[in-house]
Amino acid sequence: MSSPFELVGLLTHALVLLLGLGGLIGFIPLARGRRAGVGLLLMAGSMALVVMEPRWQLGLVGATAYTVAFLTALWLLLGPVRRMPRP
């Protein structure tokens, strides 16, 4: 059975996953549009990996996957955006 920590962690990241999916398809307006939606999807996935890691015991592979996905998500959410020239 799952611990309460795992359950709450997974439910929290399921909500972030839904927000990211809504932003990706344009249902939820996000400040950075679809880019933020993809970032939220990556963030939810990487954080769910952290919650489930003790059960799955992925070791270095899990830590590497988490690091790459989380840093990519941060870049998508907070990184620079190209400005469109004004007409």
PDB file of N, CA and C in Angstrom:
ATOM      1  N   MET A   1       0.828  -1.197   0.000  1.00  0.00           N
ATOM      2  CA  MET A   1       0.000   0.000   0.000  1.00  0.00           C
ATOM      3  C   MET A   1       0.870   1.258   0.000  1.00  0.00           C
ATOM      4  N   SER A   2       0.298   2.319  -0.490  1.00  0.00           N
ATOM      5  CA  SER A   2       1.000   3.603  -0.532  1.00  0.00           C
ATOM      6  C   SER A   2       0.930   4.292   0.814  1.00  0.00           C
ATOM      7  N   SER A   3       1.978   5.013   1.133  1.00  0.00           N
ATOM      8  CA  SER A   3       1.969   5.809   2.356  1.00  0.00           C
ATOM      9  C   SER A   3       1.155   7.073   2.093  1.00  0.00           C
ATOM     10  N   PRO A   4       0.696   7.750   3.142  1.00  0.00           N
ATOM     11  CA  PRO A   4      -0.025   9.013   2.941  1.00  0.00           C
ATOM     12  C   PRO A   4       0.818  10.045   2.191  1.00  0.00           C
ATOM     13  N   PHE A   5       2.138  10.057   2.427  1.00  0.00           N
ATOM     14  CA  PHE A   5       3.025  10.983   1.733  1.00  0.00           C
ATOM     15  C   PHE A   5       3.010  10.727   0.228  1.00  0.00           C
ATOM     16  N   GLU A   6       3.114   9.448  -0.163  1.00  0.00           N
ATOM     17  CA  GLU A   6       3.070   9.101  -1.581  1.00  0.00           C
ATOM     18  C   GLU A   6       1.742   9.490  -2.207  1.00  0.00           C
ATOM     19  N   LEU A   7       0.674   9.206  -1.519  1.00  0.00           N
ATOM     20  CA  LEU A   7      -0.656   9.500  -2.052  1.00  0.00           C
ATOM     21  C   LEU A   7      -0.866  10.993  -2.251  1.00  0.00           C
ATOM     22  N   VAL A   8      -0.545  11.788  -1.246  1.00  0.00           N
ATOM     23  CA  VAL A   8      -0.700  13.242  -1.363  1.00  0.00           C
ATOM     24  C   VAL A   8       0.248  13.798  -2.423  1.00  0.00           C
ATOM     25  N   GLY A   9       1.468  13.288  -2.466  1.00  0.00           N
ATOM     26  CA  GLY A   9       2.430  13.737  -3.477  1.00  0.00           C
ATOM     27  C   GLY A   9       1.944  13.450  -4.881  1.00  0.00           C
ATOM     28  N   LEU A  10       1.428  12.255  -5.095  1.00  0.00           N
ATOM     29  CA  LEU A  10       0.944  11.897  -6.424  1.00  0.00           C
ATOM     30  C   LEU A  10      -0.308  12.686  -6.803  1.00  0.00           C
ATOM     31  N   LEU A  11      -1.207  12.912  -5.857  1.00  0.00           N
ATOM     32  CA  LEU A  11      -2.403  13.713  -6.150  1.00  0.00           C
ATOM     33  C   LEU A  11      -2.040  15.160  -6.475  1.00  0.00           C
ATOM     34  N   THR A  12      -1.078  15.715  -5.746  1.00  0.00           N
ATOM     35  CA  THR A  12      -0.628  17.082  -6.019  1.00  0.00           C
ATOM     36  C   THR A  12      -0.045  17.184  -7.422  1.00  0.00           C
ATOM     37  N   HIS A  13       0.762  16.204  -7.789  1.00  0.00           N
ATOM     38  CA  HIS A  13       1.379  16.261  -9.106  1.00  0.00           C
ATOM     39  C   HIS A  13       0.405  15.892 -10.216  1.00  0.00           C
ATOM     40  N   ALA A  14      -0.637  15.149  -9.884  1.00  0.00           N
ATOM     41  CA  ALA A  14      -1.700  14.909 -10.866  1.00  0.00           C
ATOM     42  C   ALA A  14      -2.406  16.221 -11.197  1.00  0.00           C
ATOM     43  N   LEU A  15      -2.604  17.076 -10.189  1.00  0.00           N
ATOM     44  CA  LEU A  15      -3.211  18.386 -10.425  1.00  0.00           C
ATOM     45  C   LEU A  15      -2.308  19.247 -11.308  1.00  0.00           C
ATOM     46  N   VAL A  16      -1.004  19.250 -11.028  1.00  0.00           N
ATOM     47  CA  VAL A  16      -0.062  20.013 -11.854  1.00  0.00           C
ATOM     48  C   VAL A  16      -0.054  19.454 -13.277  1.00  0.00           C
ATOM     49  N   LEU A  17      -0.144  18.140 -13.405  1.00  0.00           N
ATOM     50  CA  LEU A  17      -0.211  17.512 -14.715  1.00  0.00           C
ATOM     51  C   LEU A  17      -1.440  17.984 -15.483  1.00  0.00           C
ATOM     52  N   LEU A  18      -2.584  18.045 -14.810  1.00  0.00           N
ATOM     53  CA  LEU A  18      -3.814  18.527 -15.460  1.00  0.00           C
ATOM     54  C   LEU A  18      -3.699  19.996 -15.861  1.00  0.00           C
ATOM     55  N   LEU A  19      -3.094  20.816 -15.004  1.00  0.00           N
ATOM     56  CA  LEU A  19      -2.882  22.222 -15.357  1.00  0.00           C
ATOM     57  C   LEU A  19      -1.971  22.350 -16.577  1.00  0.00           C
ATOM     58  N   GLY A  20      -0.925  21.558 -16.608  1.00  0.00           N
ATOM     59  CA  GLY A  20      -0.012  21.581 -17.746  1.00  0.00           C
ATOM     60  C   GLY A  20      -0.691  21.121 -19.026  1.00  0.00           C
ATOM     61  N   LEU A  21      -1.485  20.070 -18.933  1.00  0.00           N
ATOM     62  CA  LEU A  21      -2.208  19.579 -20.099  1.00  0.00           C
ATOM     63  C   LEU A  21      -3.221  20.613 -20.587  1.00  0.00           C
ATOM     64  N   GLY A  22      -3.912  21.254 -19.640  1.00  0.00           N
ATOM     65  CA  GLY A  22      -4.852  22.321 -20.000  1.00  0.00           C
ATOM     66  C   GLY A  22      -4.156  23.494 -20.670  1.00  0.00           C
ATOM     67  N   GLY A  23      -2.967  23.836 -20.198  1.00  0.00           N
ATOM     68  CA  GLY A  23      -2.200  24.908 -20.825  1.00  0.00           C
ATOM     69  C   GLY A  23      -1.671  24.515 -22.188  1.00  0.00           C
ATOM     70  N   LEU A  24      -1.297  23.242 -22.335  1.00  0.00           N
ATOM     71  CA  LEU A  24      -0.760  22.764 -23.604  1.00  0.00           C
ATOM     72  C   LEU A  24      -1.815  22.784 -24.710  1.00  0.00           C
ATOM     73  N   ILE A  25      -3.040  22.412 -24.370  1.00  0.00           N
ATOM     74  CA  ILE A  25      -4.097  22.403 -25.391  1.00  0.00           C
ATOM     75  C   ILE A  25      -4.826  23.735 -25.497  1.00  0.00           C
ATOM     76  N   GLY A  26      -4.455  24.689 -24.658  1.00  0.00           N
ATOM     77  CA  GLY A  26      -5.036  26.024 -24.731  1.00  0.00           C
ATOM     78  C   GLY A  26      -6.319  26.205 -23.942  1.00  0.00           C
ATOM     79  N   PHE A  27      -6.696  25.217 -23.150  1.00  0.00           N
ATOM     80  CA  PHE A  27      -7.910  25.312 -22.334  1.00  0.00           C
ATOM     81  C   PHE A  27      -7.705  26.240 -21.141  1.00  0.00           C
ATOM     82  N   ILE A  28      -6.503  26.241 -20.580  1.00  0.00           N
ATOM     83  CA  ILE A  28      -6.162  27.104 -19.451  1.00  0.00           C
ATOM     84  C   ILE A  28      -5.141  28.125 -19.956  1.00  0.00           C
ATOM     85  N   PRO A  29      -5.472  29.417 -19.897  1.00  0.00           N
ATOM     86  CA  PRO A  29      -4.511  30.420 -20.378  1.00  0.00           C
ATOM     87  C   PRO A  29      -3.349  30.580 -19.391  1.00  0.00           C
ATOM     88  N   LEU A  30      -2.161  30.240 -19.839  1.00  0.00           N
ATOM     89  CA  LEU A  30      -0.965  30.399 -19.018  1.00  0.00           C
ATOM     90  C   LEU A  30      -0.143  31.555 -19.574  1.00  0.00           C
ATOM     91  N   ALA A  31       0.610  32.207 -18.721  1.00  0.00           N
ATOM     92  CA  ALA A  31       1.359  33.403 -19.114  1.00  0.00           C
ATOM     93  C   ALA A  31       2.304  33.133 -20.285  1.00  0.00           C
ATOM     94  N   ARG A  32       2.903  31.984 -20.321  1.00  0.00           N
ATOM     95  CA  ARG A  32       3.830  31.653 -21.410  1.00  0.00           C
ATOM     96  C   ARG A  32       3.235  30.641 -22.377  1.00  0.00           C
ATOM     97  N   GLY A  33       1.949  30.488 -22.347  1.00  0.00           N
ATOM     98  CA  GLY A  33       1.248  29.654 -23.309  1.00  0.00           C
ATOM     99  C   GLY A  33       1.617  28.184 -23.233  1.00  0.00           C
ATOM    100  N   ARG A  34       1.736  27.576 -24.407  1.00  0.00           N
ATOM    101  CA  ARG A  34       2.011  26.142 -24.484  1.00  0.00           C
ATOM    102  C   ARG A  34       3.365  25.778 -23.903  1.00  0.00           C
ATOM    103  N   ARG A  35       4.306  26.701 -23.986  1.00  0.00           N
ATOM    104  CA  ARG A  35       5.633  26.465 -23.405  1.00  0.00           C
ATOM    105  C   ARG A  35       5.501  26.178 -21.912  1.00  0.00           C
ATOM    106  N   ALA A  36       4.686  26.948 -21.209  1.00  0.00           N
ATOM    107  CA  ALA A  36       4.477  26.721 -19.779  1.00  0.00           C
ATOM    108  C   ALA A  36       3.734  25.413 -19.541  1.00  0.00           C
ATOM    109  N   GLY A  37       2.816  25.062 -20.441  1.00  0.00           N
ATOM    110  CA  GLY A  37       2.108  23.794 -20.318  1.00  0.00           C
ATOM    111  C   GLY A  37       3.064  22.614 -20.383  1.00  0.00           C
ATOM    112  N   VAL A  38       3.997  22.648 -21.324  1.00  0.00           N
ATOM    113  CA  VAL A  38       4.996  21.578 -21.428  1.00  0.00           C
ATOM    114  C   VAL A  38       5.882  21.566 -20.184  1.00  0.00           C
ATOM    115  N   GLY A  39       6.252  22.745 -19.701  1.00  0.00           N
ATOM    116  CA  GLY A  39       7.057  22.828 -18.487  1.00  0.00           C
ATOM    117  C   GLY A  39       6.353  22.222 -17.287  1.00  0.00           C
ATOM    118  N   LEU A  40       5.061  22.494 -17.155  1.00  0.00           N
ATOM    119  CA  LEU A  40       4.307  21.919 -16.039  1.00  0.00           C
ATOM    120  C   LEU A  40       4.177  20.405 -16.167  1.00  0.00           C
ATOM    121  N   LEU A  41       4.015  19.911 -17.383  1.00  0.00           N
ATOM    122  CA  LEU A  41       3.961  18.458 -17.581  1.00  0.00           C
ATOM    123  C   LEU A  41       5.279  17.805 -17.166  1.00  0.00           C
ATOM    124  N   LEU A  42       6.393  18.394 -17.582  1.00  0.00           N
ATOM    125  CA  LEU A  42       7.701  17.858 -17.186  1.00  0.00           C
ATOM    126  C   LEU A  42       7.921  17.962 -15.682  1.00  0.00           C
ATOM    127  N   MET A  43       7.503  19.073 -15.112  1.00  0.00           N
ATOM    128  CA  MET A  43       7.663  19.276 -13.670  1.00  0.00           C
ATOM    129  C   MET A  43       6.865  18.217 -12.895  1.00  0.00           C
ATOM    130  N   ALA A  44       5.624  17.988 -13.301  1.00  0.00           N
ATOM    131  CA  ALA A  44       4.786  16.999 -12.618  1.00  0.00           C
ATOM    132  C   ALA A  44       5.385  15.603 -12.735  1.00  0.00           C
ATOM    133  N   GLY A  45       5.863  15.272 -13.912  1.00  0.00           N
ATOM    134  CA  GLY A  45       6.453  13.952 -14.096  1.00  0.00           C
ATOM    135  C   GLY A  45       7.711  13.747 -13.289  1.00  0.00           C
ATOM    136  N   SER A  46       8.571  14.749 -13.281  1.00  0.00           N
ATOM    137  CA  SER A  46       9.829  14.607 -12.536  1.00  0.00           C
ATOM    138  C   SER A  46       9.584  14.564 -11.037  1.00  0.00           C
ATOM    139  N   MET A  47       8.641  15.360 -10.547  1.00  0.00           N
ATOM    140  CA  MET A  47       8.371  15.347  -9.115  1.00  0.00           C
ATOM    141  C   MET A  47       7.638  14.059  -8.696  1.00  0.00           C
ATOM    142  N   ALA A  48       6.799  13.515  -9.567  1.00  0.00           N
ATOM    143  CA  ALA A  48       6.166  12.228  -9.264  1.00  0.00           C
ATOM    144  C   ALA A  48       7.230  11.134  -9.181  1.00  0.00           C
ATOM    145  N   LEU A  49       8.259  11.245 -10.007  1.00  0.00           N
ATOM    146  CA  LEU A  49       9.375  10.304  -9.956  1.00  0.00           C
ATOM    147  C   LEU A  49      10.069  10.362  -8.601  1.00  0.00           C
ATOM    148  N   VAL A  50      10.233  11.558  -8.059  1.00  0.00           N
ATOM    149  CA  VAL A  50      10.857  11.703  -6.739  1.00  0.00           C
ATOM    150  C   VAL A  50       9.995  11.042  -5.655  1.00  0.00           C
ATOM    151  N   VAL A  51       8.679  11.215  -5.765  1.00  0.00           N
ATOM    152  CA  VAL A  51       7.782  10.628  -4.766  1.00  0.00           C
ATOM    153  C   VAL A  51       7.833   9.099  -4.838  1.00  0.00           C
ATOM    154  N   MET A  52       7.892   8.553  -6.040  1.00  0.00           N
ATOM    155  CA  MET A  52       7.833   7.101  -6.204  1.00  0.00           C
ATOM    156  C   MET A  52       9.200   6.414  -6.161  1.00  0.00           C
ATOM    157  N   GLU A  53      10.278   7.165  -6.175  1.00  0.00           N
ATOM    158  CA  GLU A  53      11.619   6.580  -6.238  1.00  0.00           C
ATOM    159  C   GLU A  53      11.910   5.574  -5.123  1.00  0.00           C
ATOM    160  N   PRO A  54      11.540   5.850  -3.867  1.00  0.00           N
ATOM    161  CA  PRO A  54      11.847   4.851  -2.834  1.00  0.00           C
ATOM    162  C   PRO A  54      11.213   3.481  -3.131  1.00  0.00           C
ATOM    163  N   ARG A  55      10.065   3.475  -3.763  1.00  0.00           N
ATOM    164  CA  ARG A  55       9.397   2.217  -4.084  1.00  0.00           C
ATOM    165  C   ARG A  55      10.043   1.548  -5.303  1.00  0.00           C
ATOM    166  N   TRP A  56      10.405   2.357  -6.303  1.00  0.00           N
ATOM    167  CA  TRP A  56      10.951   1.813  -7.553  1.00  0.00           C
ATOM    168  C   TRP A  56      12.448   1.567  -7.491  1.00  0.00           C
ATOM    169  N   GLN A  57      13.167   2.287  -6.641  1.00  0.00           N
ATOM    170  CA  GLN A  57      14.617   2.160  -6.476  1.00  0.00           C
ATOM    171  C   GLN A  57      15.353   2.252  -7.817  1.00  0.00           C
ATOM    172  N   LEU A  58      15.245   3.408  -8.456  1.00  0.00           N
ATOM    173  CA  LEU A  58      15.840   3.617  -9.766  1.00  0.00           C
ATOM    174  C   LEU A  58      17.303   4.048  -9.710  1.00  0.00           C
ATOM    175  N   GLY A  59      17.763   4.462  -8.555  1.00  0.00           N
ATOM    176  CA  GLY A  59      19.166   4.814  -8.383  1.00  0.00           C
ATOM    177  C   GLY A  59      19.622   5.958  -9.276  1.00  0.00           C
ATOM    178  N   LEU A  60      20.793   5.788  -9.883  1.00  0.00           N
ATOM    179  CA  LEU A  60      21.404   6.834 -10.698  1.00  0.00           C
ATOM    180  C   LEU A  60      20.557   7.173 -11.925  1.00  0.00           C
ATOM    181  N   VAL A  61      19.930   6.182 -12.518  1.00  0.00           N
ATOM    182  CA  VAL A  61      19.079   6.427 -13.693  1.00  0.00           C
ATOM    183  C   VAL A  61      17.910   7.342 -13.310  1.00  0.00           C
ATOM    184  N   GLY A  62      17.274   7.065 -12.195  1.00  0.00           N
ATOM    185  CA  GLY A  62      16.164   7.898 -11.728  1.00  0.00           C
ATOM    186  C   GLY A  62      16.611   9.304 -11.377  1.00  0.00           C
ATOM    187  N   ALA A  63      17.759   9.406 -10.710  1.00  0.00           N
ATOM    188  CA  ALA A  63      18.267  10.728 -10.335  1.00  0.00           C
ATOM    189  C   ALA A  63      18.622  11.551 -11.571  1.00  0.00           C
ATOM    190  N   THR A  64      19.198  10.903 -12.568  1.00  0.00           N
ATOM    191  CA  THR A  64      19.545  11.606 -13.806  1.00  0.00           C
ATOM    192  C   THR A  64      18.292  12.042 -14.550  1.00  0.00           C
ATOM    193  N   ALA A  65      17.311  11.155 -14.656  1.00  0.00           N
ATOM    194  CA  ALA A  65      16.057  11.491 -15.332  1.00  0.00           C
ATOM    195  C   ALA A  65      15.355  12.646 -14.623  1.00  0.00           C
ATOM    196  N   TYR A  66      15.311  12.597 -13.299  1.00  0.00           N
ATOM    197  CA  TYR A  66      14.699  13.675 -12.533  1.00  0.00           C
ATOM    198  C   TYR A  66      15.408  15.000 -12.789  1.00  0.00           C
ATOM    199  N   THR A  67      16.737  14.995 -12.717  1.00  0.00           N
ATOM    200  CA  THR A  67      17.509  16.226 -12.880  1.00  0.00           C
ATOM    201  C   THR A  67      17.294  16.838 -14.259  1.00  0.00           C
ATOM    202  N   VAL A  68      17.386  16.031 -15.296  1.00  0.00           N
ATOM    203  CA  VAL A  68      17.209  16.540 -16.661  1.00  0.00           C
ATOM    204  C   VAL A  68      15.795  17.078 -16.864  1.00  0.00           C
ATOM    205  N   ALA A  69      14.779  16.322 -16.447  1.00  0.00           N
ATOM    206  CA  ALA A  69      13.395  16.757 -16.637  1.00  0.00           C
ATOM    207  C   ALA A  69      13.091  18.009 -15.822  1.00  0.00           C
ATOM    208  N   PHE A  70      13.556  18.061 -14.581  1.00  0.00           N
ATOM    209  CA  PHE A  70      13.261  19.210 -13.727  1.00  0.00           C
ATOM    210  C   PHE A  70      13.940  20.473 -14.244  1.00  0.00           C
ATOM    211  N   LEU A  71      15.208  20.374 -14.637  1.00  0.00           N
ATOM    212  CA  LEU A  71      15.908  21.555 -15.155  1.00  0.00           C
ATOM    213  C   LEU A  71      15.315  22.024 -16.481  1.00  0.00           C
ATOM    214  N   THR A  72      14.907  21.095 -17.326  1.00  0.00           N
ATOM    215  CA  THR A  72      14.239  21.471 -18.576  1.00  0.00           C
ATOM    216  C   THR A  72      12.922  22.172 -18.283  1.00  0.00           C
ATOM    217  N   ALA A  73      12.168  21.651 -17.327  1.00  0.00           N
ATOM    218  CA  ALA A  73      10.899  22.274 -16.948  1.00  0.00           C
ATOM    219  C   ALA A  73      11.118  23.685 -16.412  1.00  0.00           C
ATOM    220  N   LEU A  74      12.130  23.867 -15.571  1.00  0.00           N
ATOM    221  CA  LEU A  74      12.427  25.209 -15.064  1.00  0.00           C
ATOM    222  C   LEU A  74      12.777  26.166 -16.195  1.00  0.00           C
ATOM    223  N   TRP A  75      13.554  25.690 -17.166  1.00  0.00           N
ATOM    224  CA  TRP A  75      13.919  26.537 -18.303  1.00  0.00           C
ATOM    225  C   TRP A  75      12.670  26.937 -19.079  1.00  0.00           C
ATOM    226  N   LEU A  76      11.766  25.997 -19.298  1.00  0.00           N
ATOM    227  CA  LEU A  76      10.546  26.303 -20.045  1.00  0.00           C
ATOM    228  C   LEU A  76       9.653  27.282 -19.282  1.00  0.00           C
ATOM    229  N   LEU A  77       9.619  27.138 -17.960  1.00  0.00           N
ATOM    230  CA  LEU A  77       8.761  28.012 -17.153  1.00  0.00           C
ATOM    231  C   LEU A  77       9.380  29.380 -16.887  1.00  0.00           C
ATOM    232  N   LEU A  78      10.702  29.446 -16.724  1.00  0.00           N
ATOM    233  CA  LEU A  78      11.335  30.684 -16.285  1.00  0.00           C
ATOM    234  C   LEU A  78      12.364  31.258 -17.245  1.00  0.00           C
ATOM    235  N   GLY A  79      12.741  30.521 -18.264  1.00  0.00           N
ATOM    236  CA  GLY A  79      13.784  30.962 -19.178  1.00  0.00           C
ATOM    237  C   GLY A  79      13.342  32.139 -20.042  1.00  0.00           C
ATOM    238  N   PRO A  80      14.294  32.743 -20.760  1.00  0.00           N
ATOM    239  CA  PRO A  80      13.965  33.898 -21.591  1.00  0.00           C
ATOM    240  C   PRO A  80      13.007  33.545 -22.722  1.00  0.00           C
ATOM    241  N   VAL A  81      12.213  34.505 -23.091  1.00  0.00           N
ATOM    242  CA  VAL A  81      11.244  34.353 -24.177  1.00  0.00           C
ATOM    243  C   VAL A  81      11.623  35.333 -25.279  1.00  0.00           C
ATOM    244  N   ARG A  82      11.584  34.867 -26.512  1.00  0.00           N
ATOM    245  CA  ARG A  82      11.858  35.780 -27.637  1.00  0.00           C
ATOM    246  C   ARG A  82      10.732  36.785 -27.746  1.00  0.00           C
ATOM    247  N   ARG A  83      11.105  38.018 -27.858  1.00  0.00           N
ATOM    248  CA  ARG A  83      10.131  39.101 -28.008  1.00  0.00           C
ATOM    249  C   ARG A  83       9.796  39.296 -29.475  1.00  0.00           C
ATOM    250  N   MET A  84       8.523  39.483 -29.748  1.00  0.00           N
ATOM    251  CA  MET A  84       8.091  39.770 -31.105  1.00  0.00           C
ATOM    252  C   MET A  84       8.292  41.256 -31.383  1.00  0.00           C
ATOM    253  N   PRO A  85       8.790  41.595 -32.573  1.00  0.00           N
ATOM    254  CA  PRO A  85       8.966  43.013 -32.882  1.00  0.00           C
ATOM    255  C   PRO A  85       7.609  43.719 -32.970  1.00  0.00           C
ATOM    256  N   ARG A  86       7.604  44.959 -32.512  1.00  0.00           N
ATOM    257  CA  ARG A  86       6.359  45.739 -32.566  1.00  0.00           C
ATOM    258  C   ARG A  86       6.129  46.236 -33.985  1.00  0.00           C
ATOM    259  N   PRO A  87       4.878  46.229 -34.427  1.00  0.00           N
ATOM    260  CA  PRO A  87       4.589  46.690 -35.800  1.00  0.00           C
ATOM    261  C   PRO A  87       4.765  48.170 -35.977  1.00  0.00           C
TER     262      PRO A  87
END
